């Protein structure tokens, strides 16, 4: 069985009326309607895990995050460990392995010539 999370959502009266109408028309529940809406949005914009190779003067390190600019759940100097952390996170979130992307970012500063 898949683990679930319970959340509380605040809706405007118009949003609530729309959701209630949709629920009646589809003969389902508010929960089913919300889950279907979220799944449709996720299908259009899938969740992706990024492994970033970051170069700074004198060092290269790796980070892994949910989404390109999400908070890092891994940071270290080992590329293999970064990918292992990304695979573990993908498994935890029940994402396919192709949900993992790799990027290279350089933070090297150029020195001005005299």
PDB file of N, CA and C in Angstrom:
ATOM      1  N   UNK A   1       0.839  -1.181   0.000  1.00  0.00           N
ATOM      2  CA  UNK A   1       0.000   0.000   0.000  1.00  0.00           C
ATOM      3  C   UNK A   1       0.888   1.250   0.000  1.00  0.00           C
ATOM      4  N   UNK A   2       0.490   2.249  -0.752  1.00  0.00           N
ATOM      5  CA  UNK A   2       1.236   3.487  -0.840  1.00  0.00           C
ATOM      6  C   UNK A   2       0.967   4.353   0.387  1.00  0.00           C
ATOM      7  N   UNK A   3       2.025   4.937   0.907  1.00  0.00           N
ATOM      8  CA  UNK A   3       1.883   5.845   2.030  1.00  0.00           C
ATOM      9  C   UNK A   3       1.198   7.115   1.557  1.00  0.00           C
ATOM     10  N   UNK A   4       0.317   7.679   2.382  1.00  0.00           N
ATOM     11  CA  UNK A   4      -0.374   8.912   2.030  1.00  0.00           C
ATOM     12  C   UNK A   4      -0.161   9.959   3.106  1.00  0.00           C
ATOM     13  N   UNK A   5      -0.443  11.195   2.749  1.00  0.00           N
ATOM     14  CA  UNK A   5      -0.339  12.324   3.664  1.00  0.00           C
ATOM     15  C   UNK A   5      -1.674  13.045   3.686  1.00  0.00           C
ATOM     16  N   UNK A   6      -2.088  13.482   4.849  1.00  0.00           N
ATOM     17  CA  UNK A   6      -3.312  14.250   4.974  1.00  0.00           C
ATOM     18  C   UNK A   6      -2.954  15.729   5.042  1.00  0.00           C
ATOM     19  N   UNK A   7      -3.669  16.535   4.250  1.00  0.00           N
ATOM     20  CA  UNK A   7      -3.451  17.979   4.275  1.00  0.00           C
ATOM     21  C   UNK A   7      -4.793  18.682   4.416  1.00  0.00           C
ATOM     22  N   UNK A   8      -4.750  19.915   4.855  1.00  0.00           N
ATOM     23  CA  UNK A   8      -5.933  20.757   4.944  1.00  0.00           C
ATOM     24  C   UNK A   8      -5.791  21.845   3.885  1.00  0.00           C
ATOM     25  N   UNK A   9      -6.855  22.076   3.122  1.00  0.00           N
ATOM     26  CA  UNK A   9      -6.804  23.050   2.033  1.00  0.00           C
ATOM     27  C   UNK A   9      -7.890  24.097   2.251  1.00  0.00           C
ATOM     28  N   UNK A  10      -7.537  25.361   2.098  1.00  0.00           N
ATOM     29  CA  UNK A  10      -8.518  26.448   2.179  1.00  0.00           C
ATOM     30  C   UNK A  10      -8.923  26.829   0.763  1.00  0.00           C
ATOM     31  N   UNK A  11     -10.227  26.873   0.526  1.00  0.00           N
ATOM     32  CA  UNK A  11     -10.749  27.223  -0.792  1.00  0.00           C
ATOM     33  C   UNK A  11     -11.681  28.413  -0.682  1.00  0.00           C
ATOM     34  N   UNK A  12     -11.720  29.205  -1.730  1.00  0.00           N
ATOM     35  CA  UNK A  12     -12.709  30.285  -1.797  1.00  0.00           C
ATOM     36  C   UNK A  12     -14.084  29.646  -2.015  1.00  0.00           C
ATOM     37  N   UNK A  13     -15.159  30.392  -1.770  1.00  0.00           N
ATOM     38  CA  UNK A  13     -16.489  29.832  -2.027  1.00  0.00           C
ATOM     39  C   UNK A  13     -16.665  29.366  -3.480  1.00  0.00           C
ATOM     40  N   UNK A  14     -16.129  30.106  -4.440  1.00  0.00           N
ATOM     41  CA  UNK A  14     -16.250  29.713  -5.852  1.00  0.00           C
ATOM     42  C   UNK A  14     -15.477  28.423  -6.117  1.00  0.00           C
ATOM     43  N   UNK A  15     -14.268  28.304  -5.565  1.00  0.00           N
ATOM     44  CA  UNK A  15     -13.479  27.086  -5.749  1.00  0.00           C
ATOM     45  C   UNK A  15     -14.182  25.883  -5.128  1.00  0.00           C
ATOM     46  N   UNK A  16     -14.757  26.076  -3.953  1.00  0.00           N
ATOM     47  CA  UNK A  16     -15.478  25.001  -3.281  1.00  0.00           C
ATOM     48  C   UNK A  16     -16.707  24.587  -4.088  1.00  0.00           C
ATOM     49  N   UNK A  17     -17.448  25.559  -4.629  1.00  0.00           N
ATOM     50  CA  UNK A  17     -18.629  25.256  -5.443  1.00  0.00           C
ATOM     51  C   UNK A  17     -18.219  24.482  -6.696  1.00  0.00           C
ATOM     52  N   UNK A  18     -17.120  24.889  -7.331  1.00  0.00           N
ATOM     53  CA  UNK A  18     -16.628  24.196  -8.534  1.00  0.00           C
ATOM     54  C   UNK A  18     -16.252  22.762  -8.208  1.00  0.00           C
ATOM     55  N   UNK A  19     -15.531  22.579  -7.098  1.00  0.00           N
ATOM     56  CA  UNK A  19     -15.110  21.238  -6.705  1.00  0.00           C
ATOM     57  C   UNK A  19     -16.308  20.369  -6.340  1.00  0.00           C
ATOM     58  N   UNK A  20     -17.280  20.943  -5.653  1.00  0.00           N
ATOM     59  CA  UNK A  20     -18.488  20.186  -5.295  1.00  0.00           C
ATOM     60  C   UNK A  20     -19.268  19.773  -6.536  1.00  0.00           C
ATOM     61  N   UNK A  21     -19.362  20.670  -7.520  1.00  0.00           N
ATOM     62  CA  UNK A  21     -20.046  20.345  -8.768  1.00  0.00           C
ATOM     63  C   UNK A  21     -19.316  19.214  -9.497  1.00  0.00           C
ATOM     64  N   UNK A  22     -18.010  19.331  -9.567  1.00  0.00           N
ATOM     65  CA  UNK A  22     -17.197  18.309 -10.233  1.00  0.00           C
ATOM     66  C   UNK A  22     -17.371  16.951  -9.552  1.00  0.00           C
ATOM     67  N   UNK A  23     -17.413  16.972  -8.222  1.00  0.00           N
ATOM     68  CA  UNK A  23     -17.606  15.741  -7.443  1.00  0.00           C
ATOM     69  C   UNK A  23     -18.948  15.096  -7.779  1.00  0.00           C
ATOM     70  N   UNK A  24     -20.000  15.901  -7.831  1.00  0.00           N
ATOM     71  CA  UNK A  24     -21.328  15.357  -8.151  1.00  0.00           C
ATOM     72  C   UNK A  24     -21.380  14.830  -9.585  1.00  0.00           C
ATOM     73  N   UNK A  25     -20.836  15.605 -10.526  1.00  0.00           N
ATOM     74  CA  UNK A  25     -20.869  15.192 -11.930  1.00  0.00           C
ATOM     75  C   UNK A  25     -20.111  13.895 -12.168  1.00  0.00           C
ATOM     76  N   UNK A  26     -19.020  13.704 -11.448  1.00  0.00           N
ATOM     77  CA  UNK A  26     -18.191  12.512 -11.626  1.00  0.00           C
ATOM     78  C   UNK A  26     -18.546  11.390 -10.660  1.00  0.00           C
ATOM     79  N   UNK A  27     -19.533  11.638  -9.808  1.00  0.00           N
ATOM     80  CA  UNK A  27     -19.973  10.658  -8.806  1.00  0.00           C
ATOM     81  C   UNK A  27     -18.784  10.115  -8.014  1.00  0.00           C
ATOM     82  N   UNK A  28     -18.014  11.049  -7.496  1.00  0.00           N
ATOM     83  CA  UNK A  28     -16.830  10.678  -6.719  1.00  0.00           C
ATOM     84  C   UNK A  28     -16.814  11.485  -5.429  1.00  0.00           C
ATOM     85  N   UNK A  29     -15.668  11.560  -4.810  1.00  0.00           N
ATOM     86  CA  UNK A  29     -15.513  12.338  -3.578  1.00  0.00           C
ATOM     87  C   UNK A  29     -14.618  13.535  -3.851  1.00  0.00           C
ATOM     88  N   UNK A  30     -14.647  14.484  -2.938  1.00  0.00           N
ATOM     89  CA  UNK A  30     -13.762  15.645  -3.055  1.00  0.00           C
ATOM     90  C   UNK A  30     -12.316  15.169  -3.084  1.00  0.00           C
ATOM     91  N   UNK A  31     -11.976  14.208  -2.246  1.00  0.00           N
ATOM     92  CA  UNK A  31     -10.611  13.692  -2.204  1.00  0.00           C
ATOM     93  C   UNK A  31     -10.188  13.125  -3.559  1.00  0.00           C
ATOM     94  N   UNK A  32     -11.051  12.309  -4.171  1.00  0.00           N
ATOM     95  CA  UNK A  32     -10.734  11.717  -5.475  1.00  0.00           C
ATOM     96  C   UNK A  32     -10.548  12.821  -6.517  1.00  0.00           C
ATOM     97  N   UNK A  33     -11.395  13.819  -6.495  1.00  0.00           N
ATOM     98  CA  UNK A  33     -11.279  14.921  -7.461  1.00  0.00           C
ATOM     99  C   UNK A  33      -9.958  15.670  -7.289  1.00  0.00           C
ATOM    100  N   UNK A  34      -9.596  15.971  -6.052  1.00  0.00           N
ATOM    101  CA  UNK A  34      -8.330  16.683  -5.807  1.00  0.00           C
ATOM    102  C   UNK A  34      -7.149  15.839  -6.249  1.00  0.00           C
ATOM    103  N   UNK A  35      -7.147  14.563  -5.912  1.00  0.00           N
ATOM    104  CA  UNK A  35      -6.054  13.670  -6.320  1.00  0.00           C
ATOM    105  C   UNK A  35      -5.964  13.613  -7.845  1.00  0.00           C
ATOM    106  N   UNK A  36      -7.103  13.510  -8.532  1.00  0.00           N
ATOM    107  CA  UNK A  36      -7.087  13.474  -9.998  1.00  0.00           C
ATOM    108  C   UNK A  36      -6.540  14.768 -10.596  1.00  0.00           C
ATOM    109  N   UNK A  37      -6.884  15.898 -10.013  1.00  0.00           N
ATOM    110  CA  UNK A  37      -6.384  17.187 -10.491  1.00  0.00           C
ATOM    111  C   UNK A  37      -4.871  17.274 -10.289  1.00  0.00           C
ATOM    112  N   UNK A  38      -4.395  16.846  -9.127  1.00  0.00           N
ATOM    113  CA  UNK A  38      -2.952  16.869  -8.852  1.00  0.00           C
ATOM    114  C   UNK A  38      -2.223  15.915  -9.797  1.00  0.00           C
ATOM    115  N   UNK A  39      -2.761  14.742 -10.023  1.00  0.00           N
ATOM    116  CA  UNK A  39      -2.119  13.777 -10.938  1.00  0.00           C
ATOM    117  C   UNK A  39      -2.046  14.313 -12.362  1.00  0.00           C
ATOM    118  N   UNK A  40      -3.102  14.990 -12.804  1.00  0.00           N
ATOM    119  CA  UNK A  40      -3.088  15.578 -14.148  1.00  0.00           C
ATOM    120  C   UNK A  40      -2.015  16.665 -14.245  1.00  0.00           C
ATOM    121  N   UNK A  41      -1.910  17.485 -13.201  1.00  0.00           N
ATOM    122  CA  UNK A  41      -0.874  18.529 -13.188  1.00  0.00           C
ATOM    123  C   UNK A  41       0.515  17.903 -13.164  1.00  0.00           C
ATOM    124  N   UNK A  42       0.698  16.833 -12.387  1.00  0.00           N
ATOM    125  CA  UNK A  42       2.000  16.166 -12.325  1.00  0.00           C
ATOM    126  C   UNK A  42       2.351  15.491 -13.644  1.00  0.00           C
ATOM    127  N   UNK A  43       1.346  15.022 -14.358  1.00  0.00           N
ATOM    128  CA  UNK A  43       1.588  14.414 -15.661  1.00  0.00           C
ATOM    129  C   UNK A  43       2.119  15.461 -16.638  1.00  0.00           C
ATOM    130  N   UNK A  44       1.571  16.671 -16.557  1.00  0.00           N
ATOM    131  CA  UNK A  44       2.016  17.768 -17.423  1.00  0.00           C
ATOM    132  C   UNK A  44       3.368  18.325 -16.987  1.00  0.00           C
ATOM    133  N   UNK A  45       3.656  18.255 -15.698  1.00  0.00           N
ATOM    134  CA  UNK A  45       4.897  18.806 -15.143  1.00  0.00           C
ATOM    135  C   UNK A  45       5.453  17.811 -14.120  1.00  0.00           C
ATOM    136  N   UNK A  46       6.109  16.716 -14.589  1.00  0.00           N
ATOM    137  CA  UNK A  46       6.521  15.648 -13.684  1.00  0.00           C
ATOM    138  C   UNK A  46       7.573  16.079 -12.659  1.00  0.00           C
ATOM    139  N   UNK A  47       7.524  15.404 -11.528  1.00  0.00           N
ATOM    140  CA  UNK A  47       8.510  15.614 -10.477  1.00  0.00           C
ATOM    141  C   UNK A  47       9.843  15.047 -10.948  1.00  0.00           C
ATOM    142  N   UNK A  48      10.898  15.842 -10.811  1.00  0.00           N
ATOM    143  CA  UNK A  48      12.216  15.449 -11.290  1.00  0.00           C
ATOM    144  C   UNK A  48      13.242  15.653 -10.195  1.00  0.00           C
ATOM    145  N   UNK A  49      14.212  14.748 -10.133  1.00  0.00           N
ATOM    146  CA  UNK A  49      15.324  14.861  -9.197  1.00  0.00           C
ATOM    147  C   UNK A  49      16.555  15.267  -9.997  1.00  0.00           C
ATOM    148  N   UNK A  50      17.256  16.269  -9.519  1.00  0.00           N
ATOM    149  CA  UNK A  50      18.448  16.753 -10.204  1.00  0.00           C
ATOM    150  C   UNK A  50      19.699  16.449  -9.397  1.00  0.00           C
ATOM    151  N   UNK A  51      20.719  15.937 -10.087  1.00  0.00           N
ATOM    152  CA  UNK A  51      22.067  15.824  -9.542  1.00  0.00           C
ATOM    153  C   UNK A  51      22.863  16.915 -10.251  1.00  0.00           C
ATOM    154  N   UNK A  52      23.459  17.797  -9.467  1.00  0.00           N
ATOM    155  CA  UNK A  52      24.220  18.926 -10.006  1.00  0.00           C
ATOM    156  C   UNK A  52      25.711  18.707  -9.750  1.00  0.00           C
ATOM    157  N   UNK A  53      26.507  18.851 -10.773  1.00  0.00           N
ATOM    158  CA  UNK A  53      27.961  18.903 -10.608  1.00  0.00           C
ATOM    159  C   UNK A  53      28.314  20.394 -10.584  1.00  0.00           C
ATOM    160  N   UNK A  54      28.865  20.847  -9.468  1.00  0.00           N
ATOM    161  CA  UNK A  54      29.149  22.266  -9.269  1.00  0.00           C
ATOM    162  C   UNK A  54      30.654  22.487  -9.194  1.00  0.00           C
ATOM    163  N   UNK A  55      31.143  23.353 -10.057  1.00  0.00           N
ATOM    164  CA  UNK A  55      32.571  23.675 -10.055  1.00  0.00           C
ATOM    165  C   UNK A  55      32.767  25.076  -9.511  1.00  0.00           C
ATOM    166  N   UNK A  56      33.638  25.161  -8.514  1.00  0.00           N
ATOM    167  CA  UNK A  56      34.049  26.441  -7.944  1.00  0.00           C
ATOM    168  C   UNK A  56      35.571  26.462  -7.998  1.00  0.00           C
ATOM    169  N   UNK A  57      36.175  27.617  -7.912  1.00  0.00           N
ATOM    170  CA  UNK A  57      37.642  27.649  -7.979  1.00  0.00           C
ATOM    171  C   UNK A  57      38.266  26.671  -6.979  1.00  0.00           C
ATOM    172  N   UNK A  58      39.028  25.719  -7.486  1.00  0.00           N
ATOM    173  CA  UNK A  58      39.750  24.764  -6.644  1.00  0.00           C
ATOM    174  C   UNK A  58      38.950  23.587  -6.147  1.00  0.00           C
ATOM    175  N   UNK A  59      37.690  23.436  -6.569  1.00  0.00           N
ATOM    176  CA  UNK A  59      36.881  22.338  -6.037  1.00  0.00           C
ATOM    177  C   UNK A  59      35.716  22.019  -6.975  1.00  0.00           C
ATOM    178  N   UNK A  60      35.305  20.774  -6.921  1.00  0.00           N
ATOM    179  CA  UNK A  60      34.083  20.327  -7.578  1.00  0.00           C
ATOM    180  C   UNK A  60      33.304  19.529  -6.552  1.00  0.00           C
ATOM    181  N   UNK A  61      32.011  19.806  -6.448  1.00  0.00           N
ATOM    182  CA  UNK A  61      31.174  19.057  -5.514  1.00  0.00           C
ATOM    183  C   UNK A  61      29.847  18.747  -6.191  1.00  0.00           C
ATOM    184  N   UNK A  62      29.078  17.888  -5.568  1.00  0.00           N
ATOM    185  CA  UNK A  62      27.822  17.416  -6.137  1.00  0.00           C
ATOM    186  C   UNK A  62      26.697  17.667  -5.152  1.00  0.00           C
ATOM    187  N   UNK A  63      25.533  18.043  -5.683  1.00  0.00           N
ATOM    188  CA  UNK A  63      24.332  18.185  -4.875  1.00  0.00           C
ATOM    189  C   UNK A  63      23.211  17.427  -5.562  1.00  0.00           C
ATOM    190  N   UNK A  64      22.191  17.101  -4.808  1.00  0.00           N
ATOM    191  CA  UNK A  64      20.994  16.478  -5.365  1.00  0.00           C
ATOM    192  C   UNK A  64      19.790  17.163  -4.742  1.00  0.00           C
ATOM    193  N   UNK A  65      18.789  17.437  -5.581  1.00  0.00           N
ATOM    194  CA  UNK A  65      17.603  18.147  -5.102  1.00  0.00           C
ATOM    195  C   UNK A  65      16.359  17.635  -5.819  1.00  0.00           C
ATOM    196  N   UNK A  66      15.220  17.839  -5.185  1.00  0.00           N
ATOM    197  CA  UNK A  66      13.943  17.568  -5.842  1.00  0.00           C
ATOM    198  C   UNK A  66      13.592  18.843  -6.590  1.00  0.00           C
ATOM    199  N   UNK A  67      13.519  18.755  -7.902  1.00  0.00           N
ATOM    200  CA  UNK A  67      13.338  19.946  -8.720  1.00  0.00           C
ATOM    201  C   UNK A  67      14.689  20.606  -8.933  1.00  0.00           C
ATOM    202  N   UNK A  68      14.800  21.338 -10.025  1.00  0.00           N
ATOM    203  CA  UNK A  68      16.090  21.927 -10.374  1.00  0.00           C
ATOM    204  C   UNK A  68      16.594  22.896  -9.310  1.00  0.00           C
ATOM    205  N   UNK A  69      15.683  23.626  -8.686  1.00  0.00           N
ATOM    206  CA  UNK A  69      16.092  24.638  -7.709  1.00  0.00           C
ATOM    207  C   UNK A  69      15.556  24.348  -6.310  1.00  0.00           C
ATOM    208  N   UNK A  70      15.208  23.082  -6.048  1.00  0.00           N
ATOM    209  CA  UNK A  70      14.711  22.713  -4.729  1.00  0.00           C
ATOM    210  C   UNK A  70      15.829  22.640  -3.702  1.00  0.00           C
ATOM    211  N   UNK A  71      15.445  22.459  -2.455  1.00  0.00           N
ATOM    212  CA  UNK A  71      16.429  22.315  -1.389  1.00  0.00           C
ATOM    213  C   UNK A  71      17.224  21.034  -1.602  1.00  0.00           C
ATOM    214  N   UNK A  72      18.525  21.114  -1.380  1.00  0.00           N
ATOM    215  CA  UNK A  72      19.399  19.956  -1.555  1.00  0.00           C
ATOM    216  C   UNK A  72      19.146  18.929  -0.453  1.00  0.00           C
ATOM    217  N   UNK A  73      19.012  17.670  -0.832  1.00  0.00           N
ATOM    218  CA  UNK A  73      18.947  16.600   0.160  1.00  0.00           C
ATOM    219  C   UNK A  73      20.268  15.835   0.205  1.00  0.00           C
ATOM    220  N   UNK A  74      21.200  16.189  -0.696  1.00  0.00           N
ATOM    221  CA  UNK A  74      22.544  15.614  -0.668  1.00  0.00           C
ATOM    222  C   UNK A  74      23.532  16.690  -1.098  1.00  0.00           C
ATOM    223  N   UNK A  75      24.675  16.722  -0.437  1.00  0.00           N
ATOM    224  CA  UNK A  75      25.798  17.558  -0.866  1.00  0.00           C
ATOM    225  C   UNK A  75      27.077  16.861  -0.443  1.00  0.00           C
ATOM    226  N   UNK A  76      28.014  16.725  -1.392  1.00  0.00           N
ATOM    227  CA  UNK A  76      29.277  16.086  -1.078  1.00  0.00           C
ATOM    228  C   UNK A  76      30.186  16.066  -2.292  1.00  0.00           C
ATOM    229  N   UNK A  77      31.360  15.474  -2.109  1.00  0.00           N
ATOM    230  CA  UNK A  77      32.368  15.472  -3.177  1.00  0.00           C
ATOM    231  C   UNK A  77      32.362  14.196  -4.015  1.00  0.00           C
ATOM    232  N   UNK A  78      31.487  13.257  -3.690  1.00  0.00           N
ATOM    233  CA  UNK A  78      31.466  11.959  -4.360  1.00  0.00           C
ATOM    234  C   UNK A  78      30.304  11.872  -5.349  1.00  0.00           C
ATOM    235  N   UNK A  79      30.637  11.802  -6.626  1.00  0.00           N
ATOM    236  CA  UNK A  79      29.626  11.733  -7.683  1.00  0.00           C
ATOM    237  C   UNK A  79      28.750  10.491  -7.531  1.00  0.00           C
ATOM    238  N   UNK A  80      29.369   9.344  -7.283  1.00  0.00           N
ATOM    239  CA  UNK A  80      28.608   8.100  -7.142  1.00  0.00           C
ATOM    240  C   UNK A  80      27.631   8.185  -5.968  1.00  0.00           C
ATOM    241  N   UNK A  81      28.070   8.797  -4.874  1.00  0.00           N
ATOM    242  CA  UNK A  81      27.187   8.941  -3.714  1.00  0.00           C
ATOM    243  C   UNK A  81      26.016   9.867  -4.021  1.00  0.00           C
ATOM    244  N   UNK A  82      26.255  10.896  -4.821  1.00  0.00           N
ATOM    245  CA  UNK A  82      25.176  11.810  -5.211  1.00  0.00           C
ATOM    246  C   UNK A  82      24.121  11.061  -6.020  1.00  0.00           C
ATOM    247  N   UNK A  83      24.576  10.231  -6.968  1.00  0.00           N
ATOM    248  CA  UNK A  83      23.622   9.456  -7.763  1.00  0.00           C
ATOM    249  C   UNK A  83      22.927   8.396  -6.923  1.00  0.00           C
ATOM    250  N   UNK A  84      23.637   7.805  -5.969  1.00  0.00           N
ATOM    251  CA  UNK A  84      23.006   6.822  -5.078  1.00  0.00           C
ATOM    252  C   UNK A  84      21.913   7.491  -4.247  1.00  0.00           C
ATOM    253  N   UNK A  85      22.186   8.703  -3.753  1.00  0.00           N
ATOM    254  CA  UNK A  85      21.182   9.445  -2.984  1.00  0.00           C
ATOM    255  C   UNK A  85      19.985   9.786  -3.868  1.00  0.00           C
ATOM    256  N   UNK A  86      20.245  10.164  -5.116  1.00  0.00           N
ATOM    257  CA  UNK A  86      19.159  10.489  -6.051  1.00  0.00           C
ATOM    258  C   UNK A  86      18.307   9.257  -6.343  1.00  0.00           C
ATOM    259  N   UNK A  87      18.948   8.107  -6.553  1.00  0.00           N
ATOM    260  CA  UNK A  87      18.201   6.868  -6.803  1.00  0.00           C
ATOM    261  C   UNK A  87      17.368   6.483  -5.579  1.00  0.00           C
ATOM    262  N   UNK A  88      17.932   6.646  -4.389  1.00  0.00           N
ATOM    263  CA  UNK A  88      17.201   6.331  -3.163  1.00  0.00           C
ATOM    264  C   UNK A  88      15.989   7.245  -3.003  1.00  0.00           C
ATOM    265  N   UNK A  89      16.153   8.537  -3.315  1.00  0.00           N
ATOM    266  CA  UNK A  89      15.043   9.484  -3.218  1.00  0.00           C
ATOM    267  C   UNK A  89      13.976   9.152  -4.259  1.00  0.00           C
ATOM    268  N   UNK A  90      14.394   8.789  -5.469  1.00  0.00           N
ATOM    269  CA  UNK A  90      13.435   8.401  -6.506  1.00  0.00           C
ATOM    270  C   UNK A  90      12.638   7.178  -6.055  1.00  0.00           C
ATOM    271  N   UNK A  91      13.316   6.213  -5.462  1.00  0.00           N
ATOM    272  CA  UNK A  91      12.628   5.022  -4.960  1.00  0.00           C
ATOM    273  C   UNK A  91      11.655   5.385  -3.844  1.00  0.00           C
ATOM    274  N   UNK A  92      12.088   6.243  -2.921  1.00  0.00           N
ATOM    275  CA  UNK A  92      11.235   6.690  -1.808  1.00  0.00           C
ATOM    276  C   UNK A  92       9.962   7.354  -2.332  1.00  0.00           C
ATOM    277  N   UNK A  93      10.081   8.120  -3.409  1.00  0.00           N
ATOM    278  CA  UNK A  93       8.944   8.843  -3.971  1.00  0.00           C
ATOM    279  C   UNK A  93       8.217   8.051  -5.059  1.00  0.00           C
ATOM    280  N   UNK A  94       8.633   6.793  -5.273  1.00  0.00           N
ATOM    281  CA  UNK A  94       8.042   5.924  -6.296  1.00  0.00           C
ATOM    282  C   UNK A  94       8.138   6.548  -7.690  1.00  0.00           C
ATOM    283  N   UNK A  95       9.271   7.180  -7.972  1.00  0.00           N
ATOM    284  CA  UNK A  95       9.522   7.774  -9.288  1.00  0.00           C
ATOM    285  C   UNK A  95      10.359   6.818 -10.121  1.00  0.00           C
ATOM    286  N   UNK A  96      10.196   6.852 -11.431  1.00  0.00           N
ATOM    287  CA  UNK A  96      11.045   6.013 -12.279  1.00  0.00           C
ATOM    288  C   UNK A  96      12.470   6.552 -12.302  1.00  0.00           C
ATOM    289  N   UNK A  97      13.429   5.704 -12.645  1.00  0.00           N
ATOM    290  CA  UNK A  97      14.831   6.141 -12.686  1.00  0.00           C
ATOM    291  C   UNK A  97      15.051   7.266 -13.683  1.00  0.00           C
ATOM    292  N   UNK A  98      14.220   7.332 -14.739  1.00  0.00           N
ATOM    293  CA  UNK A  98      14.407   8.401 -15.720  1.00  0.00           C
ATOM    294  C   UNK A  98      13.913   9.754 -15.207  1.00  0.00           C
ATOM    295  N   UNK A  99      13.457   9.802 -13.955  1.00  0.00           N
ATOM    296  CA  UNK A  99      13.094  11.076 -13.337  1.00  0.00           C
ATOM    297  C   UNK A  99      14.336  11.795 -12.811  1.00  0.00           C
ATOM    298  N   UNK A 100      15.500  11.155 -12.924  1.00  0.00           N
ATOM    299  CA  UNK A 100      16.752  11.749 -12.439  1.00  0.00           C
ATOM    300  C   UNK A 100      17.461  12.433 -13.606  1.00  0.00           C
ATOM    301  N   UNK A 101      17.825  13.686 -13.396  1.00  0.00           N
ATOM    302  CA  UNK A 101      18.538  14.481 -14.410  1.00  0.00           C
ATOM    303  C   UNK A 101      19.893  14.902 -13.859  1.00  0.00           C
ATOM    304  N   UNK A 102      20.834  15.160 -14.754  1.00  0.00           N
ATOM    305  CA  UNK A 102      22.184  15.576 -14.378  1.00  0.00           C
ATOM    306  C   UNK A 102      22.476  16.930 -15.004  1.00  0.00           C
ATOM    307  N   UNK A 103      22.997  17.855 -14.213  1.00  0.00           N
ATOM    308  CA  UNK A 103      23.386  19.165 -14.732  1.00  0.00           C
ATOM    309  C   UNK A 103      24.805  19.480 -14.289  1.00  0.00           C
ATOM    310  N   UNK A 104      25.469  20.306 -15.065  1.00  0.00           N
ATOM    311  CA  UNK A 104      26.810  20.791 -14.725  1.00  0.00           C
ATOM    312  C   UNK A 104      26.718  22.305 -14.600  1.00  0.00           C
ATOM    313  N   UNK A 105      27.193  22.810 -13.468  1.00  0.00           N
ATOM    314  CA  UNK A 105      27.172  24.250 -13.233  1.00  0.00           C
ATOM    315  C   UNK A 105      28.558  24.704 -12.830  1.00  0.00           C
ATOM    316  N   UNK A 106      28.972  25.796 -13.420  1.00  0.00           N
ATOM    317  CA  UNK A 106      30.293  26.339 -13.110  1.00  0.00           C
ATOM    318  C   UNK A 106      30.139  27.680 -12.407  1.00  0.00           C
ATOM    319  N   UNK A 107      30.809  27.811 -11.294  1.00  0.00           N
ATOM    320  CA  UNK A 107      30.805  29.059 -10.548  1.00  0.00           C
ATOM    321  C   UNK A 107      32.206  29.661 -10.540  1.00  0.00           C
ATOM    322  N   UNK A 108      32.920  29.431 -11.616  1.00  0.00           N
ATOM    323  CA  UNK A 108      34.284  29.948 -11.756  1.00  0.00           C
ATOM    324  C   UNK A 108      34.201  31.441 -12.076  1.00  0.00           C
ATOM    325  N   UNK A 109      35.035  32.205 -11.405  1.00  0.00           N
ATOM    326  CA  UNK A 109      35.097  33.636 -11.709  1.00  0.00           C
ATOM    327  C   UNK A 109      36.305  33.895 -12.571  1.00  0.00           C
ATOM    328  N   UNK A 110      36.111  34.766 -13.521  1.00  0.00           N
ATOM    329  CA  UNK A 110      37.240  35.120 -14.394  1.00  0.00           C
ATOM    330  C   UNK A 110      38.004  36.267 -13.762  1.00  0.00           C
ATOM    331  N   UNK A 111      39.315  36.195 -13.874  1.00  0.00           N
ATOM    332  CA  UNK A 111      40.139  37.272 -13.346  1.00  0.00           C
ATOM    333  C   UNK A 111      40.390  38.281 -14.456  1.00  0.00           C
ATOM    334  N   UNK A 112      40.399  39.522 -14.105  1.00  0.00           N
ATOM    335  CA  UNK A 112      40.633  40.579 -15.076  1.00  0.00           C
ATOM    336  C   UNK A 112      42.140  40.635 -15.378  1.00  0.00           C
ATOM    337  N   UNK A 113      42.470  40.816 -16.642  1.00  0.00           N
ATOM    338  CA  UNK A 113      43.882  40.916 -17.010  1.00  0.00           C
ATOM    339  C   UNK A 113      44.327  42.362 -16.911  1.00  0.00           C
ATOM    340  N   UNK A 114      45.597  42.549 -16.522  1.00  0.00           N
ATOM    341  CA  UNK A 114      46.117  43.901 -16.339  1.00  0.00           C
ATOM    342  C   UNK A 114      46.659  44.467 -17.603  1.00  0.00           C
TER     343      UNK A 114
END
